Amino acid sequence: LEDISKHSYFNNKSLRGNTFSTLHEMNDFLDRE
């Protein structure tokens, strides 16, 4: 869905308090972990 969309899952990062810009970025981080 994020690939197709013009904007990411993290339009407003403050809602989660995380540092990721996109869901893919979070996915890459979790892959490394």
PDB file of all heavy atoms in Angstrom:
ATOM      1  N   LEU A   1       0.829  -1.204   0.000  1.00  0.00           N
ATOM      2  CA  LEU A   1       0.000   0.000   0.000  1.00  0.00           C
ATOM      3  C   LEU A   1       0.864   1.255   0.000  1.00  0.00           C
ATOM      4  O   LEU A   1       0.563   2.233  -0.690  1.00  0.00           O
ATOM      5  CB  LEU A   1      -0.923   0.009   1.220  1.00  0.00           C
ATOM      6  CG  LEU A   1      -2.048  -1.019   1.269  1.00  0.00           C
ATOM      7  CD1 LEU A   1      -2.812  -0.902   2.578  1.00  0.00           C
ATOM      8  CD2 LEU A   1      -2.994  -0.857   0.081  1.00  0.00           C
ATOM      9  N   GLU A   2       1.934   1.211   0.775  1.00  0.00           N
ATOM     10  CA  GLU A   2       2.824   2.370   0.829  1.00  0.00           C
ATOM     11  C   GLU A   2       3.528   2.580  -0.506  1.00  0.00           C
ATOM     12  O   GLU A   2       3.759   3.720  -0.926  1.00  0.00           O
ATOM     13  CB  GLU A   2       3.850   2.204   1.947  1.00  0.00           C
ATOM     14  CG  GLU A   2       4.666   3.467   2.194  1.00  0.00           C
ATOM     15  CD  GLU A   2       5.611   3.334   3.369  1.00  0.00           C
ATOM     16  OE1 GLU A   2       6.600   2.576   3.251  1.00  0.00           O
ATOM     17  OE2 GLU A   2       5.364   3.979   4.401  1.00  0.00           O
ATOM     18  N   ASP A   3       3.864   1.494  -1.196  1.00  0.00           N
ATOM     19  CA  ASP A   3       4.489   1.601  -2.521  1.00  0.00           C
ATOM     20  C   ASP A   3       3.574   2.326  -3.505  1.00  0.00           C
ATOM     21  O   ASP A   3       4.027   3.137  -4.326  1.00  0.00           O
ATOM     22  CB  ASP A   3       4.806   0.207  -3.073  1.00  0.00           C
ATOM     23  CG  ASP A   3       6.033  -0.417  -2.427  1.00  0.00           C
ATOM     24  OD1 ASP A   3       6.894   0.341  -1.943  1.00  0.00           O
ATOM     25  OD2 ASP A   3       6.116  -1.661  -2.410  1.00  0.00           O
ATOM     26  N   ILE A   4       2.290   2.026  -3.439  1.00  0.00           N
ATOM     27  CA  ILE A   4       1.329   2.606  -4.376  1.00  0.00           C
ATOM     28  C   ILE A   4       0.971   4.038  -3.996  1.00  0.00           C
ATOM     29  O   ILE A   4       0.733   4.887  -4.859  1.00  0.00           O
ATOM     30  CB  ILE A   4       0.049   1.740  -4.409  1.00  0.00           C
ATOM     31  CG1 ILE A   4       0.387   0.308  -4.846  1.00  0.00           C
ATOM     32  CG2 ILE A   4      -1.000   2.342  -5.326  1.00  0.00           C
ATOM     33  CD1 ILE A   4      -0.767  -0.664  -4.685  1.00  0.00           C
ATOM     34  N   SER A   5       0.952   4.314  -2.692  1.00  0.00           N
ATOM     35  CA  SER A   5       0.500   5.608  -2.189  1.00  0.00           C
ATOM     36  C   SER A   5       1.507   6.717  -2.479  1.00  0.00           C
ATOM     37  O   SER A   5       2.703   6.475  -2.623  1.00  0.00           O
ATOM     38  CB  SER A   5       0.276   5.511  -0.679  1.00  0.00           C
ATOM     39  OG  SER A   5      -0.166   6.745  -0.156  1.00  0.00           O
ATOM     40  N   LYS A   6       0.996   7.947  -2.539  1.00  0.00           N
ATOM     41  CA  LYS A   6       1.859   9.115  -2.730  1.00  0.00           C
ATOM     42  C   LYS A   6       2.514   9.553  -1.423  1.00  0.00           C
ATOM     43  O   LYS A   6       3.415  10.378  -1.417  1.00  0.00           O
ATOM     44  CB  LYS A   6       1.037  10.279  -3.301  1.00  0.00           C
ATOM     45  CG  LYS A   6       0.560  10.080  -4.720  1.00  0.00           C
ATOM     46  CD  LYS A   6       1.708  10.098  -5.709  1.00  0.00           C
ATOM     47  CE  LYS A   6       1.204   9.992  -7.144  1.00  0.00           C
ATOM     48  NZ  LYS A   6       2.314  10.003  -8.123  1.00  0.00           N
ATOM     49  N   HIS A   7       2.038   9.025  -0.322  1.00  0.00           N
ATOM     50  CA  HIS A   7       2.612   9.390   0.967  1.00  0.00           C
ATOM     51  C   HIS A   7       2.758   8.131   1.814  1.00  0.00           C
ATOM     52  O   HIS A   7       2.144   7.096   1.539  1.00  0.00           O
ATOM     53  CB  HIS A   7       1.747  10.426   1.690  1.00  0.00           C
ATOM     54  CG  HIS A   7       0.288  10.129   1.653  1.00  0.00           C
ATOM     55  ND1 HIS A   7      -0.545  10.588   0.658  1.00  0.00           N
ATOM     56  CD2 HIS A   7      -0.494   9.390   2.463  1.00  0.00           C
ATOM     57  CE1 HIS A   7      -1.773  10.168   0.858  1.00  0.00           C
ATOM     58  NE2 HIS A   7      -1.775   9.425   1.955  1.00  0.00           N
ATOM     59  N   SER A   8       3.565   8.217   2.850  1.00  0.00           N
ATOM     60  CA  SER A   8       3.918   7.032   3.624  1.00  0.00           C
ATOM     61  C   SER A   8       2.930   6.774   4.757  1.00  0.00           C
ATOM     62  O   SER A   8       2.010   7.555   5.001  1.00  0.00           O
ATOM     63  CB  SER A   8       5.319   7.200   4.213  1.00  0.00           C
ATOM     64  OG  SER A   8       5.271   8.018   5.370  1.00  0.00           O
ATOM     65  N   TYR A   9       3.146   5.687   5.451  1.00  0.00           N
ATOM     66  CA  TYR A   9       2.365   5.373   6.638  1.00  0.00           C
ATOM     67  C   TYR A   9       2.668   6.338   7.779  1.00  0.00           C
ATOM     68  O   TYR A   9       1.896   6.434   8.726  1.00  0.00           O
ATOM     69  CB  TYR A   9       2.649   3.944   7.097  1.00  0.00           C
ATOM     70  CG  TYR A   9       1.511   3.003   6.791  1.00  0.00           C
ATOM     71  CD1 TYR A   9       1.438   2.361   5.556  1.00  0.00           C
ATOM     72  CD2 TYR A   9       0.506   2.772   7.706  1.00  0.00           C
ATOM     73  CE1 TYR A   9       0.386   1.505   5.263  1.00  0.00           C
ATOM     74  CE2 TYR A   9      -0.548   1.921   7.424  1.00  0.00           C
ATOM     75  CZ  TYR A   9      -0.602   1.299   6.203  1.00  0.00           C
ATOM     76  OH  TYR A   9      -1.652   0.464   5.912  1.00  0.00           O
ATOM     77  N   PHE A  10       3.785   7.043   7.683  1.00  0.00           N
ATOM     78  CA  PHE A  10       4.201   7.916   8.783  1.00  0.00           C
ATOM     79  C   PHE A  10       4.086   9.380   8.385  1.00  0.00           C
ATOM     80  O   PHE A  10       5.044  10.136   8.397  1.00  0.00           O
ATOM     81  CB  PHE A  10       5.635   7.591   9.207  1.00  0.00           C
ATOM     82  CG  PHE A  10       5.803   6.187   9.707  1.00  0.00           C
ATOM     83  CD1 PHE A  10       6.881   5.421   9.321  1.00  0.00           C
ATOM     84  CD2 PHE A  10       4.868   5.621  10.551  1.00  0.00           C
ATOM     85  CE1 PHE A  10       7.040   4.124   9.779  1.00  0.00           C
ATOM     86  CE2 PHE A  10       5.009   4.327  11.014  1.00  0.00           C
ATOM     87  CZ  PHE A  10       6.094   3.569  10.627  1.00  0.00           C
ATOM     88  N   ASN A  11       2.871   9.794   8.017  1.00  0.00           N
ATOM     89  CA  ASN A  11       2.664  11.204   7.689  1.00  0.00           C
ATOM     90  C   ASN A  11       2.853  12.094   8.903  1.00  0.00           C
ATOM     91  O   ASN A  11       3.250  13.240   8.797  1.00  0.00           O
ATOM     92  CB  ASN A  11       1.240  11.403   7.147  1.00  0.00           C
ATOM     93  CG  ASN A  11       1.067  10.750   5.795  1.00  0.00           C
ATOM     94  OD1 ASN A  11       1.707  11.128   4.837  1.00  0.00           O
ATOM     95  ND2 ASN A  11       0.221   9.740   5.737  1.00  0.00           N
ATOM     96  N   ASN A  12       2.536  11.544  10.058  1.00  0.00           N
ATOM     97  CA  ASN A  12       2.655  12.312  11.294  1.00  0.00           C
ATOM     98  C   ASN A  12       3.345  11.441  12.327  1.00  0.00           C
ATOM     99  O   ASN A  12       2.724  10.717  13.080  1.00  0.00           O
ATOM    100  CB  ASN A  12       1.274  12.741  11.797  1.00  0.00           C
ATOM    101  CG  ASN A  12       1.363  13.671  12.988  1.00  0.00           C
ATOM    102  OD1 ASN A  12       2.399  13.761  13.639  1.00  0.00           O
ATOM    103  ND2 ASN A  12       0.275  14.354  13.278  1.00  0.00           N
ATOM    104  N   LYS A  13       4.675  11.504  12.355  1.00  0.00           N
ATOM    105  CA  LYS A  13       5.450  10.613  13.208  1.00  0.00           C
ATOM    106  C   LYS A  13       5.174  10.825  14.687  1.00  0.00           C
ATOM    107  O   LYS A  13       5.375   9.934  15.497  1.00  0.00           O
ATOM    108  CB  LYS A  13       6.947  10.784  12.919  1.00  0.00           C
ATOM    109  CG  LYS A  13       7.351  10.259  11.546  1.00  0.00           C
ATOM    110  CD  LYS A  13       8.850  10.299  11.345  1.00  0.00           C
ATOM    111  CE  LYS A  13       9.355  11.697  11.155  1.00  0.00           C
ATOM    112  NZ  LYS A  13      10.793  11.743  10.828  1.00  0.00           N
ATOM    113  N   SER A  14       4.712  12.024  15.057  1.00  0.00           N
ATOM    114  CA  SER A  14       4.487  12.308  16.476  1.00  0.00           C
ATOM    115  C   SER A  14       3.408  11.427  17.075  1.00  0.00           C
ATOM    116  O   SER A  14       3.341  11.234  18.278  1.00  0.00           O
ATOM    117  CB  SER A  14       4.104  13.780  16.663  1.00  0.00           C
ATOM    118  OG  SER A  14       2.869  14.053  16.029  1.00  0.00           O
ATOM    119  N   LEU A  15       2.530  10.872  16.200  1.00  0.00           N
ATOM    120  CA  LEU A  15       1.478  10.007  16.707  1.00  0.00           C
ATOM    121  C   LEU A  15       2.045   8.745  17.337  1.00  0.00           C
ATOM    122  O   LEU A  15       1.450   8.146  18.200  1.00  0.00           O
ATOM    123  CB  LEU A  15       0.518   9.623  15.572  1.00  0.00           C
ATOM    124  CG  LEU A  15      -0.413  10.729  15.092  1.00  0.00           C
ATOM    125  CD1 LEU A  15      -1.170  10.277  13.865  1.00  0.00           C
ATOM    126  CD2 LEU A  15      -1.401  11.096  16.190  1.00  0.00           C
ATOM    127  N   ARG A  16       3.215   8.322  16.890  1.00  0.00           N
ATOM    128  CA  ARG A  16       3.823   7.118  17.432  1.00  0.00           C
ATOM    129  C   ARG A  16       5.088   7.423  18.221  1.00  0.00           C
ATOM    130  O   ARG A  16       5.605   6.587  18.927  1.00  0.00           O
ATOM    131  CB  ARG A  16       4.192   6.158  16.312  1.00  0.00           C
ATOM    132  CG  ARG A  16       3.001   5.592  15.603  1.00  0.00           C
ATOM    133  CD  ARG A  16       3.483   4.665  14.504  1.00  0.00           C
ATOM    134  NE  ARG A  16       2.393   4.442  13.574  1.00  0.00           N
ATOM    135  CZ  ARG A  16       2.074   5.298  12.633  1.00  0.00           C
ATOM    136  NH1 ARG A  16       2.750   6.407  12.500  1.00  0.00           N
ATOM    137  NH2 ARG A  16       1.072   5.060  11.832  1.00  0.00           N
ATOM    138  N   GLY A  17       5.634   8.612  18.064  1.00  0.00           N
ATOM    139  CA  GLY A  17       6.873   8.937  18.743  1.00  0.00           C
ATOM    140  C   GLY A  17       8.062   8.183  18.172  1.00  0.00           C
ATOM    141  O   GLY A  17       9.081   8.003  18.844  1.00  0.00           O
ATOM    142  N   ASN A  18       7.939   7.705  16.919  1.00  0.00           N
ATOM    143  CA  ASN A  18       9.071   6.979  16.339  1.00  0.00           C
ATOM    144  C   ASN A  18       9.894   7.891  15.441  1.00  0.00           C
ATOM    145  O   ASN A  18       9.546   9.039  15.202  1.00  0.00           O
ATOM    146  CB  ASN A  18       8.593   5.733  15.577  1.00  0.00           C
ATOM    147  CG  ASN A  18       7.812   6.101  14.322  1.00  0.00           C
ATOM    148  OD1 ASN A  18       8.254   6.916  13.532  1.00  0.00           O
ATOM    149  ND2 ASN A  18       6.654   5.494  14.135  1.00  0.00           N
ATOM    150  N   THR A  19      10.987   7.364  14.947  1.00  0.00           N
ATOM    151  CA  THR A  19      11.900   8.174  14.135  1.00  0.00           C
ATOM    152  C   THR A  19      11.897   7.755  12.679  1.00  0.00           C
ATOM    153  O   THR A  19      12.735   8.225  11.908  1.00  0.00           O
ATOM    154  CB  THR A  19      13.329   8.056  14.691  1.00  0.00           C
ATOM    155  OG1 THR A  19      13.727   6.674  14.666  1.00  0.00           O
ATOM    156  CG2 THR A  19      13.406   8.579  16.108  1.00  0.00           C
ATOM    157  N   PHE A  20      10.991   6.890  12.278  1.00  0.00           N
ATOM    158  CA  PHE A  20      10.974   6.396  10.903  1.00  0.00           C
ATOM    159  C   PHE A  20      10.181   7.333  10.000  1.00  0.00           C
ATOM    160  O   PHE A  20       9.168   7.899  10.401  1.00  0.00           O
ATOM    161  CB  PHE A  20      10.363   4.997  10.853  1.00  0.00           C
ATOM    162  CG  PHE A  20      11.098   3.997  11.699  1.00  0.00           C
ATOM    163  CD1 PHE A  20      10.518   3.488  12.849  1.00  0.00           C
ATOM    164  CD2 PHE A  20      12.374   3.579  11.352  1.00  0.00           C
ATOM    165  CE1 PHE A  20      11.190   2.572  13.632  1.00  0.00           C
ATOM    166  CE2 PHE A  20      13.056   2.662  12.134  1.00  0.00           C
ATOM    167  CZ  PHE A  20      12.468   2.155  13.272  1.00  0.00           C
ATOM    168  N   SER A  21      10.645   7.468   8.768  1.00  0.00           N
ATOM    169  CA  SER A  21       9.954   8.296   7.790  1.00  0.00           C
ATOM    170  C   SER A  21       8.954   7.497   6.968  1.00  0.00           C
ATOM    171  O   SER A  21       7.959   8.028   6.486  1.00  0.00           O
ATOM    172  CB  SER A  21      10.968   8.960   6.847  1.00  0.00           C
ATOM    173  OG  SER A  21      11.832   9.805   7.566  1.00  0.00           O
ATOM    174  N   THR A  22       9.244   6.209   6.797  1.00  0.00           N
ATOM    175  CA  THR A  22       8.366   5.345   6.016  1.00  0.00           C
ATOM    176  C   THR A  22       8.261   3.979   6.681  1.00  0.00           C
ATOM    177  O   THR A  22       9.097   3.593   7.499  1.00  0.00           O
ATOM    178  CB  THR A  22       8.889   5.138   4.583  1.00  0.00           C
ATOM    179  OG1 THR A  22      10.107   4.376   4.642  1.00  0.00           O
ATOM    180  CG2 THR A  22       9.156   6.476   3.891  1.00  0.00           C
ATOM    181  N   LEU A  23       7.233   3.242   6.289  1.00  0.00           N
ATOM    182  CA  LEU A  23       7.082   1.875   6.787  1.00  0.00           C
ATOM    183  C   LEU A  23       8.228   1.004   6.273  1.00  0.00           C
ATOM    184  O   LEU A  23       8.701   0.107   6.975  1.00  0.00           O
ATOM    185  CB  LEU A  23       5.739   1.307   6.332  1.00  0.00           C
ATOM    186  CG  LEU A  23       5.249   0.035   7.033  1.00  0.00           C
ATOM    187  CD1 LEU A  23       4.978   0.320   8.508  1.00  0.00           C
ATOM    188  CD2 LEU A  23       3.993  -0.495   6.356  1.00  0.00           C
ATOM    189  N   HIS A  24       8.687   1.268   5.046  1.00  0.00           N
ATOM    190  CA  HIS A  24       9.813   0.514   4.500  1.00  0.00           C
ATOM    191  C   HIS A  24      11.084   0.745   5.325  1.00  0.00           C
ATOM    192  O   HIS A  24      11.877  -0.177   5.513  1.00  0.00           O
ATOM    193  CB  HIS A  24      10.051   0.908   3.043  1.00  0.00           C
ATOM    194  CG  HIS A  24       9.136   0.224   2.079  1.00  0.00           C
ATOM    195  ND1 HIS A  24       7.816   0.567   1.925  1.00  0.00           N
ATOM    196  CD2 HIS A  24       9.347  -0.815   1.224  1.00  0.00           C
ATOM    197  CE1 HIS A  24       7.257  -0.204   1.007  1.00  0.00           C
ATOM    198  NE2 HIS A  24       8.164  -1.054   0.571  1.00  0.00           N
ATOM    199  N   GLU A  25      11.253   1.961   5.794  1.00  0.00           N
ATOM    200  CA  GLU A  25      12.415   2.255   6.631  1.00  0.00           C
ATOM    201  C   GLU A  25      12.342   1.463   7.931  1.00  0.00           C
ATOM    202  O   GLU A  25      13.341   0.916   8.402  1.00  0.00           O
ATOM    203  CB  GLU A  25      12.463   3.754   6.934  1.00  0.00           C
ATOM    204  CG  GLU A  25      13.728   4.207   7.649  1.00  0.00           C
ATOM    205  CD  GLU A  25      13.737   5.703   7.882  1.00  0.00           C
ATOM    206  OE1 GLU A  25      13.383   6.447   6.947  1.00  0.00           O
ATOM    207  OE2 GLU A  25      14.088   6.115   9.006  1.00  0.00           O
ATOM    208  N   MET A  26      11.158   1.383   8.509  1.00  0.00           N
ATOM    209  CA  MET A  26      10.972   0.579   9.714  1.00  0.00           C
ATOM    210  C   MET A  26      11.218  -0.894   9.410  1.00  0.00           C
ATOM    211  O   MET A  26      11.830  -1.618  10.201  1.00  0.00           O
ATOM    212  CB  MET A  26       9.555   0.772  10.263  1.00  0.00           C
ATOM    213  CG  MET A  26       9.296   0.030  11.565  1.00  0.00           C
ATOM    214  SD  MET A  26       7.643   0.343  12.231  1.00  0.00           S
ATOM    215  CE  MET A  26       7.777  -0.501  13.821  1.00  0.00           C
ATOM    216  N   ASN A  27      10.746  -1.349   8.249  1.00  0.00           N
ATOM    217  CA  ASN A  27      10.945  -2.740   7.852  1.00  0.00           C
ATOM    218  C   ASN A  27      12.430  -3.078   7.742  1.00  0.00           C
ATOM    219  O   ASN A  27      12.881  -4.126   8.222  1.00  0.00           O
ATOM    220  CB  ASN A  27      10.251  -2.985   6.508  1.00  0.00           C
ATOM    221  CG  ASN A  27      10.386  -4.407   6.029  1.00  0.00           C
ATOM    222  OD1 ASN A  27       9.736  -5.314   6.529  1.00  0.00           O
ATOM    223  ND2 ASN A  27      11.251  -4.624   5.046  1.00  0.00           N
ATOM    224  N   ASP A  28      13.201  -2.176   7.136  1.00  0.00           N
ATOM    225  CA  ASP A  28      14.648  -2.397   7.001  1.00  0.00           C
ATOM    226  C   ASP A  28      15.318  -2.470   8.363  1.00  0.00           C
ATOM    227  O   ASP A  28      16.210  -3.301   8.598  1.00  0.00           O
ATOM    228  CB  ASP A  28      15.280  -1.289   6.162  1.00  0.00           C
ATOM    229  CG  ASP A  28      14.832  -1.332   4.703  1.00  0.00           C
ATOM    230  OD1 ASP A  28      14.321  -2.390   4.277  1.00  0.00           O
ATOM    231  OD2 ASP A  28      14.982  -0.310   4.002  1.00  0.00           O
ATOM    232  N   PHE A  29      14.890  -1.594   9.272  1.00  0.00           N
ATOM    233  CA  PHE A  29      15.458  -1.592  10.631  1.00  0.00           C
ATOM    234  C   PHE A  29      15.157  -2.912  11.337  1.00  0.00           C
ATOM    235  O   PHE A  29      16.047  -3.523  11.946  1.00  0.00           O
ATOM    236  CB  PHE A  29      14.881  -0.423  11.426  1.00  0.00           C
ATOM    237  CG  PHE A  29      15.233  -0.458  12.886  1.00  0.00           C
ATOM    238  CD1 PHE A  29      16.482  -0.029  13.325  1.00  0.00           C
ATOM    239  CD2 PHE A  29      14.327  -0.943  13.828  1.00  0.00           C
ATOM    240  CE1 PHE A  29      16.816  -0.072  14.678  1.00  0.00           C
ATOM    241  CE2 PHE A  29      14.644  -0.982  15.170  1.00  0.00           C
ATOM    242  CZ  PHE A  29      15.898  -0.549  15.595  1.00  0.00           C
ATOM    243  N   LEU A  30      13.916  -3.366  11.249  1.00  0.00           N
ATOM    244  CA  LEU A  30      13.535  -4.602  11.912  1.00  0.00           C
ATOM    245  C   LEU A  30      14.213  -5.811  11.274  1.00  0.00           C
ATOM    246  O   LEU A  30      14.553  -6.779  11.963  1.00  0.00           O
ATOM    247  CB  LEU A  30      12.020  -4.772  11.894  1.00  0.00           C
ATOM    248  CG  LEU A  30      11.239  -3.759  12.741  1.00  0.00           C
ATOM    249  CD1 LEU A  30       9.739  -3.920  12.530  1.00  0.00           C
ATOM    250  CD2 LEU A  30      11.577  -3.905  14.217  1.00  0.00           C
ATOM    251  N   ASP A  31      14.438  -5.750   9.956  1.00  0.00           N
ATOM    252  CA  ASP A  31      15.187  -6.815   9.287  1.00  0.00           C
ATOM    253  C   ASP A  31      16.599  -6.916   9.874  1.00  0.00           C
ATOM    254  O   ASP A  31      17.096  -8.019  10.149  1.00  0.00           O
ATOM    255  CB  ASP A  31      15.293  -6.543   7.786  1.00  0.00           C
ATOM    256  CG  ASP A  31      14.035  -6.932   7.024  1.00  0.00           C
ATOM    257  OD1 ASP A  31      13.172  -7.620   7.600  1.00  0.00           O
ATOM    258  OD2 ASP A  31      13.920  -6.529   5.850  1.00  0.00           O
ATOM    259  N   ARG A  32      17.234  -5.764  10.057  1.00  0.00           N
ATOM    260  CA  ARG A  32      18.596  -5.759  10.608  1.00  0.00           C
ATOM    261  C   ARG A  32      18.598  -6.280  12.045  1.00  0.00           C
ATOM    262  O   ARG A  32      19.487  -7.040  12.442  1.00  0.00           O
ATOM    263  CB  ARG A  32      19.182  -4.344  10.556  1.00  0.00           C
ATOM    264  CG  ARG A  32      19.473  -3.841   9.148  1.00  0.00           C
ATOM    265  CD  ARG A  32      20.330  -2.588   9.163  1.00  0.00           C
ATOM    266  NE  ARG A  32      19.668  -1.467   9.803  1.00  0.00           N
ATOM    267  CZ  ARG A  32      18.890  -0.596   9.160  1.00  0.00           C
ATOM    268  NH1 ARG A  32      18.664  -0.726   7.859  1.00  0.00           N
ATOM    269  NH2 ARG A  32      18.336   0.415   9.805  1.00  0.00           N
ATOM    270  N   GLU A  33      17.590  -5.863  12.826  1.00  0.00           N
ATOM    271  CA  GLU A  33      17.515  -6.325  14.212  1.00  0.00           C
ATOM    272  C   GLU A  33      17.296  -7.835  14.278  1.00  0.00           C
ATOM    273  O   GLU A  33      17.885  -8.519  15.117  1.00  0.00           O
ATOM    274  CB  GLU A  33      16.368  -5.612  14.939  1.00  0.00           C
ATOM    275  CG  GLU A  33      16.624  -4.140  15.205  1.00  0.00           C
ATOM    276  CD  GLU A  33      17.820  -3.932  16.128  1.00  0.00           C
ATOM    277  OE1 GLU A  33      17.787  -4.459  17.250  1.00  0.00           O
ATOM    278  OE2 GLU A  33      18.785  -3.263  15.717  1.00  0.00           O
TER     279      GLU A  33
END
